[in-house]
Amino acid sequence: MKCSSHAKIGLISLNSLILILILTIDFPYSEYIVPCNIGVIIGSYIPDIDSRASIANKFFNTTMGILLILTILLGLADTKLINVIDDSIYLLKRYGLNEEGLIFFVLAVILGKLSPHRMFTHKWLGTMIFIVSFSMIGFSKATLGFAVGYILHIIADAIGSKKTPLRFFEFKLPLRNSKNKLSIK
């Protein structure tokens, strides 16, 4: 299934859920509608971080490359690289974000990228790690959307047209292939 199909499924499902919440309870949708929709788009793309051709993989590679270049340039311009790191942590905290959560999420993405396709990112352990790490960053209003997008991505893959068996409840550690052998791609 294409990434855009996963995003469409997530967006339609999330907005249907928000509509139900608006109609049944006094749900503050104006606070949640934009962050939840951003979260569902991110969540629907992230499980395919383990596929070289995916948008999530390309975006992560580009982002990390730009951050690495900026860090090197700032480090060369200011020989006190520790100041750059401190300033970055200050900015994260200023906007209410948690640096430990961000580090945890980036580590989960790296583990997902190194694992074979549909192994770690499409299993219950990977799903829980990604959802928990995303919520730890501090995007509380986007976490609902992220979880919906991520879980619906896995469900769509399980019932999709490729008929590839997806064993969601199988325990797989990162970097393990379908035969449970160490595999770094």
C-alpha atoms as a PDB file:
ATOM      1  CA  MET A   1       0.000   0.000   0.000  1.00  0.00           C
ATOM      2  CA  LYS A   2       1.275   3.476  -0.840  1.00  0.00           C
ATOM      3  CA  CYS A   3       2.154   5.951   1.908  1.00  0.00           C
ATOM      4  CA  SER A   4      -0.493   8.372   0.701  1.00  0.00           C
ATOM      5  CA  SER A   5      -3.136   5.650   1.086  1.00  0.00           C
ATOM      6  CA  HIS A   6      -2.061   5.098   4.683  1.00  0.00           C
ATOM      7  CA  ALA A   7      -2.308   8.847   5.336  1.00  0.00           C
ATOM      8  CA  LYS A   8      -5.780   9.039   3.756  1.00  0.00           C
ATOM      9  CA  ILE A   9      -7.047   6.123   5.843  1.00  0.00           C
ATOM     10  CA  GLY A  10      -5.639   7.736   8.973  1.00  0.00           C
ATOM     11  CA  LEU A  11      -7.042  11.193   8.220  1.00  0.00           C
ATOM     12  CA  ILE A  12     -10.531   9.920   7.381  1.00  0.00           C
ATOM     13  CA  SER A  13     -10.631   7.680  10.464  1.00  0.00           C
ATOM     14  CA  LEU A  14      -9.271  10.316  12.833  1.00  0.00           C
ATOM     15  CA  ASN A  15     -11.640  13.030  11.636  1.00  0.00           C
ATOM     16  CA  SER A  16     -14.554  10.608  11.870  1.00  0.00           C
ATOM     17  CA  LEU A  17     -13.531   9.884  15.460  1.00  0.00           C
ATOM     18  CA  ILE A  18     -13.281  13.610  16.229  1.00  0.00           C
ATOM     19  CA  LEU A  19     -16.738  14.150  14.699  1.00  0.00           C
ATOM     20  CA  ILE A  20     -18.170  11.383  16.891  1.00  0.00           C
ATOM     21  CA  LEU A  21     -16.524  12.949  19.953  1.00  0.00           C
ATOM     22  CA  ILE A  22     -17.941  16.371  19.060  1.00  0.00           C
ATOM     23  CA  LEU A  23     -21.450  14.933  18.668  1.00  0.00           C
ATOM     24  CA  THR A  24     -21.383  12.802  21.832  1.00  0.00           C
ATOM     25  CA  ILE A  25     -19.386  14.819  24.366  1.00  0.00           C
ATOM     26  CA  ASP A  26     -18.218  18.379  24.803  1.00  0.00           C
ATOM     27  CA  PHE A  27     -14.930  17.754  22.964  1.00  0.00           C
ATOM     28  CA  PRO A  28     -12.634  20.809  22.532  1.00  0.00           C
ATOM     29  CA  TYR A  29     -12.009  20.058  18.858  1.00  0.00           C
ATOM     30  CA  SER A  30     -10.531  23.478  18.044  1.00  0.00           C
ATOM     31  CA  GLU A  31      -7.538  22.654  20.265  1.00  0.00           C
ATOM     32  CA  TYR A  32      -7.036  19.177  18.817  1.00  0.00           C
ATOM     33  CA  ILE A  33      -7.972  19.261  15.142  1.00  0.00           C
ATOM     34  CA  VAL A  34      -4.659  20.570  13.704  1.00  0.00           C
ATOM     35  CA  PRO A  35      -2.230  18.755  16.063  1.00  0.00           C
ATOM     36  CA  CYS A  36      -4.161  15.475  15.703  1.00  0.00           C
ATOM     37  CA  ASN A  37      -4.156  15.698  11.907  1.00  0.00           C
ATOM     38  CA  ILE A  38      -0.407  16.403  11.866  1.00  0.00           C
ATOM     39  CA  GLY A  39       0.094  13.503  14.284  1.00  0.00           C
ATOM     40  CA  VAL A  40      -1.939  11.102  12.142  1.00  0.00           C
ATOM     41  CA  ILE A  41       0.102  11.966   9.044  1.00  0.00           C
ATOM     42  CA  ILE A  42       3.389  11.378  10.891  1.00  0.00           C
ATOM     43  CA  GLY A  43       2.022   8.216  12.513  1.00  0.00           C
ATOM     44  CA  SER A  44       0.824   6.780   9.218  1.00  0.00           C
ATOM     45  CA  TYR A  45       4.233   7.282   7.557  1.00  0.00           C
ATOM     46  CA  ILE A  46       6.569   6.177  10.399  1.00  0.00           C
ATOM     47  CA  PRO A  47       5.972   2.379  10.268  1.00  0.00           C
ATOM     48  CA  ASP A  48       7.546   2.296   6.800  1.00  0.00           C
ATOM     49  CA  ILE A  49      10.752   3.953   8.033  1.00  0.00           C
ATOM     50  CA  ASP A  50      12.294   0.497   7.487  1.00  0.00           C
ATOM     51  CA  SER A  51      11.691   0.673   3.724  1.00  0.00           C
ATOM     52  CA  ARG A  52      14.394   2.450   1.712  1.00  0.00           C
ATOM     53  CA  ALA A  53      11.878   3.848  -0.780  1.00  0.00           C
ATOM     54  CA  SER A  54       9.478   5.288   1.814  1.00  0.00           C
ATOM     55  CA  ILE A  55       8.819   8.987   2.297  1.00  0.00           C
ATOM     56  CA  ALA A  56       9.532   8.629   6.039  1.00  0.00           C
ATOM     57  CA  ASN A  57      12.966   7.140   5.362  1.00  0.00           C
ATOM     58  CA  LYS A  58      13.896   9.834   2.848  1.00  0.00           C
ATOM     59  CA  PHE A  59      12.616  12.612   5.133  1.00  0.00           C
ATOM     60  CA  PHE A  60      14.556  11.257   8.121  1.00  0.00           C
ATOM     61  CA  ASN A  61      17.769  10.913   6.084  1.00  0.00           C
ATOM     62  CA  THR A  62      17.430  14.463   4.748  1.00  0.00           C
ATOM     63  CA  THR A  63      16.610  15.921   8.167  1.00  0.00           C
ATOM     64  CA  MET A  64      19.508  14.155   9.870  1.00  0.00           C
ATOM     65  CA  GLY A  65      21.872  15.243   7.082  1.00  0.00           C
ATOM     66  CA  ILE A  66      20.827  18.880   7.434  1.00  0.00           C
ATOM     67  CA  LEU A  67      21.134  18.714  11.235  1.00  0.00           C
ATOM     68  CA  LEU A  68      24.590  17.152  10.938  1.00  0.00           C
ATOM     69  CA  ILE A  69      25.764  19.850   8.503  1.00  0.00           C
ATOM     70  CA  LEU A  70      24.327  22.628  10.699  1.00  0.00           C
ATOM     71  CA  THR A  71      25.966  21.133  13.777  1.00  0.00           C
ATOM     72  CA  ILE A  72      29.335  20.958  12.019  1.00  0.00           C
ATOM     73  CA  LEU A  73      29.011  24.509  10.666  1.00  0.00           C
ATOM     74  CA  LEU A  74      27.907  25.905  14.017  1.00  0.00           C
ATOM     75  CA  GLY A  75      30.616  23.896  15.730  1.00  0.00           C
ATOM     76  CA  LEU A  76      33.256  25.339  13.410  1.00  0.00           C
ATOM     77  CA  ALA A  77      31.909  28.872  13.787  1.00  0.00           C
ATOM     78  CA  ASP A  78      31.714  28.527  17.563  1.00  0.00           C
ATOM     79  CA  THR A  79      34.419  26.272  18.901  1.00  0.00           C
ATOM     80  CA  LYS A  80      32.269  25.707  21.969  1.00  0.00           C
ATOM     81  CA  LEU A  81      29.961  23.073  20.504  1.00  0.00           C
ATOM     82  CA  ILE A  82      28.525  22.535  23.958  1.00  0.00           C
ATOM     83  CA  ASN A  83      26.889  25.981  23.679  1.00  0.00           C
ATOM     84  CA  VAL A  84      25.087  24.868  20.520  1.00  0.00           C
ATOM     85  CA  ILE A  85      23.785  21.788  22.316  1.00  0.00           C
ATOM     86  CA  ASP A  86      22.735  23.863  25.332  1.00  0.00           C
ATOM     87  CA  ASP A  87      20.944  26.351  23.074  1.00  0.00           C
ATOM     88  CA  SER A  88      19.119  23.494  21.311  1.00  0.00           C
ATOM     89  CA  ILE A  89      17.995  22.019  24.638  1.00  0.00           C
ATOM     90  CA  TYR A  90      16.871  25.491  25.776  1.00  0.00           C
ATOM     91  CA  LEU A  91      14.738  25.888  22.615  1.00  0.00           C
ATOM     92  CA  LEU A  92      13.155  22.456  23.136  1.00  0.00           C
ATOM     93  CA  LYS A  93      12.263  23.316  26.727  1.00  0.00           C
ATOM     94  CA  ARG A  94      11.026  26.772  25.763  1.00  0.00           C
ATOM     95  CA  TYR A  95       8.411  25.188  23.526  1.00  0.00           C
ATOM     96  CA  GLY A  96       7.497  22.595  26.157  1.00  0.00           C
ATOM     97  CA  LEU A  97       9.264  19.698  24.471  1.00  0.00           C
ATOM     98  CA  ASN A  98      11.226  16.981  26.226  1.00  0.00           C
ATOM     99  CA  GLU A  99      14.749  16.272  24.973  1.00  0.00           C
ATOM    100  CA  GLU A 100      14.783  12.754  26.448  1.00  0.00           C
ATOM    101  CA  GLY A 101      11.593  11.950  24.537  1.00  0.00           C
ATOM    102  CA  LEU A 102      13.104  13.303  21.325  1.00  0.00           C
ATOM    103  CA  ILE A 103      16.260  11.232  21.822  1.00  0.00           C
ATOM    104  CA  PHE A 104      14.128   8.140  22.575  1.00  0.00           C
ATOM    105  CA  PHE A 105      12.064   8.748  19.408  1.00  0.00           C
ATOM    106  CA  VAL A 106      15.176   9.252  17.237  1.00  0.00           C
ATOM    107  CA  LEU A 107      16.687   6.043  18.642  1.00  0.00           C
ATOM    108  CA  ALA A 108      13.441   4.193  17.830  1.00  0.00           C
ATOM    109  CA  VAL A 109      13.582   5.560  14.274  1.00  0.00           C
ATOM    110  CA  ILE A 110      17.210   4.453  13.906  1.00  0.00           C
ATOM    111  CA  LEU A 111      16.338   0.944  15.179  1.00  0.00           C
ATOM    112  CA  GLY A 112      13.402   0.883  12.762  1.00  0.00           C
ATOM    113  CA  LYS A 113      15.609   1.980   9.864  1.00  0.00           C
ATOM    114  CA  LEU A 114      18.158  -0.735  10.606  1.00  0.00           C
ATOM    115  CA  SER A 115      15.569  -3.515  10.885  1.00  0.00           C
ATOM    116  CA  PRO A 116      14.218  -5.476   7.905  1.00  0.00           C
ATOM    117  CA  HIS A 117      10.900  -4.349   6.427  1.00  0.00           C
ATOM    118  CA  ARG A 118       7.795  -5.176   8.495  1.00  0.00           C
ATOM    119  CA  MET A 119       9.788  -6.628  11.370  1.00  0.00           C
ATOM    120  CA  PHE A 120      10.333  -4.209  14.277  1.00  0.00           C
ATOM    121  CA  THR A 121       8.101  -1.320  13.185  1.00  0.00           C
ATOM    122  CA  HIS A 122       5.133  -3.594  12.451  1.00  0.00           C
ATOM    123  CA  LYS A 123       5.209  -5.553  15.723  1.00  0.00           C
ATOM    124  CA  TRP A 124       3.602  -4.727  19.080  1.00  0.00           C
ATOM    125  CA  LEU A 125       6.946  -3.861  20.706  1.00  0.00           C
ATOM    126  CA  GLY A 126       7.904  -1.385  17.989  1.00  0.00           C
ATOM    127  CA  THR A 127       4.395   0.092  17.975  1.00  0.00           C
ATOM    128  CA  MET A 128       4.489   0.691  21.730  1.00  0.00           C
ATOM    129  CA  ILE A 129       8.010   2.149  21.635  1.00  0.00           C
ATOM    130  CA  PHE A 130       7.106   4.572  18.842  1.00  0.00           C
ATOM    131  CA  ILE A 131       3.842   5.729  20.435  1.00  0.00           C
ATOM    132  CA  VAL A 132       5.346   6.125  23.919  1.00  0.00           C
ATOM    133  CA  SER A 133       8.443   7.938  22.627  1.00  0.00           C
ATOM    134  CA  PHE A 134       6.296  10.290  20.514  1.00  0.00           C
ATOM    135  CA  SER A 135       4.150  11.132  23.523  1.00  0.00           C
ATOM    136  CA  MET A 136       7.276  11.671  25.647  1.00  0.00           C
ATOM    137  CA  ILE A 137       8.441  14.433  23.302  1.00  0.00           C
ATOM    138  CA  GLY A 138       5.600  16.594  24.548  1.00  0.00           C
ATOM    139  CA  PHE A 139       3.189  16.661  21.624  1.00  0.00           C
ATOM    140  CA  SER A 140       0.291  15.678  23.877  1.00  0.00           C
ATOM    141  CA  LYS A 141      -2.460  16.830  21.506  1.00  0.00           C
ATOM    142  CA  ALA A 142      -0.816  15.193  18.497  1.00  0.00           C
ATOM    143  CA  THR A 143      -0.240  11.858  20.247  1.00  0.00           C
ATOM    144  CA  LEU A 144      -3.824  10.691  19.691  1.00  0.00           C
ATOM    145  CA  GLY A 145      -3.444  11.290  15.963  1.00  0.00           C
ATOM    146  CA  PHE A 146      -0.006   9.662  15.891  1.00  0.00           C
ATOM    147  CA  ALA A 147      -1.332   6.515  17.617  1.00  0.00           C
ATOM    148  CA  VAL A 148      -4.355   6.319  15.293  1.00  0.00           C
ATOM    149  CA  GLY A 149      -2.188   6.760  12.193  1.00  0.00           C
ATOM    150  CA  TYR A 150       0.416   4.236  13.302  1.00  0.00           C
ATOM    151  CA  ILE A 151      -2.061   1.531  14.336  1.00  0.00           C
ATOM    152  CA  LEU A 152      -4.242   2.005  11.234  1.00  0.00           C
ATOM    153  CA  HIS A 153      -1.118   1.709   9.062  1.00  0.00           C
ATOM    154  CA  ILE A 154      -0.447  -1.723  10.545  1.00  0.00           C
ATOM    155  CA  ILE A 155      -4.096  -2.794  10.215  1.00  0.00           C
ATOM    156  CA  ALA A 156      -4.167  -1.622   6.578  1.00  0.00           C
ATOM    157  CA  ASP A 157      -0.994  -3.610   5.859  1.00  0.00           C
ATOM    158  CA  ALA A 158      -2.490  -6.691   7.509  1.00  0.00           C
ATOM    159  CA  ILE A 159      -5.652  -6.607   5.382  1.00  0.00           C
ATOM    160  CA  GLY A 160      -4.079  -5.040   2.302  1.00  0.00           C
ATOM    161  CA  SER A 161      -3.989  -6.477  -1.182  1.00  0.00           C
ATOM    162  CA  LYS A 162      -0.458  -7.915  -0.998  1.00  0.00           C
ATOM    163  CA  LYS A 163      -1.634 -10.702   1.320  1.00  0.00           C
ATOM    164  CA  THR A 164       1.691 -10.623   3.152  1.00  0.00           C
ATOM    165  CA  PRO A 165       1.168 -12.272   6.529  1.00  0.00           C
ATOM    166  CA  LEU A 166       1.680  -9.755   9.274  1.00  0.00           C
ATOM    167  CA  ARG A 167       2.321 -11.286  12.673  1.00  0.00           C
ATOM    168  CA  PHE A 168       1.735  -8.238  14.895  1.00  0.00           C
ATOM    169  CA  PHE A 169       1.841 -10.076  18.238  1.00  0.00           C
ATOM    170  CA  GLU A 170       5.033 -11.930  17.435  1.00  0.00           C
ATOM    171  CA  PHE A 171       7.919 -10.821  19.645  1.00  0.00           C
ATOM    172  CA  LYS A 172      10.739  -9.459  17.506  1.00  0.00           C
ATOM    173  CA  LEU A 173      13.662  -7.455  18.764  1.00  0.00           C
ATOM    174  CA  PRO A 174      15.027  -4.718  16.512  1.00  0.00           C
ATOM    175  CA  LEU A 175      17.559  -5.811  13.891  1.00  0.00           C
ATOM    176  CA  ARG A 176      16.018  -9.308  13.594  1.00  0.00           C
ATOM    177  CA  ASN A 177      14.613 -10.735  10.365  1.00  0.00           C
ATOM    178  CA  SER A 178      11.653 -13.098   9.936  1.00  0.00           C
ATOM    179  CA  LYS A 179      13.862 -16.075  10.882  1.00  0.00           C
ATOM    180  CA  ASN A 180      14.905 -14.242  14.073  1.00  0.00           C
ATOM    181  CA  LYS A 181      18.491 -13.918  12.802  1.00  0.00           C
ATOM    182  CA  LEU A 182      20.495 -10.740  13.306  1.00  0.00           C
ATOM    183  CA  SER A 183      20.009  -8.613  10.203  1.00  0.00           C
ATOM    184  CA  ILE A 184      21.132  -5.048   9.648  1.00  0.00           C
ATOM    185  CA  LYS A 185      20.162  -3.598   6.301  1.00  0.00           C
END
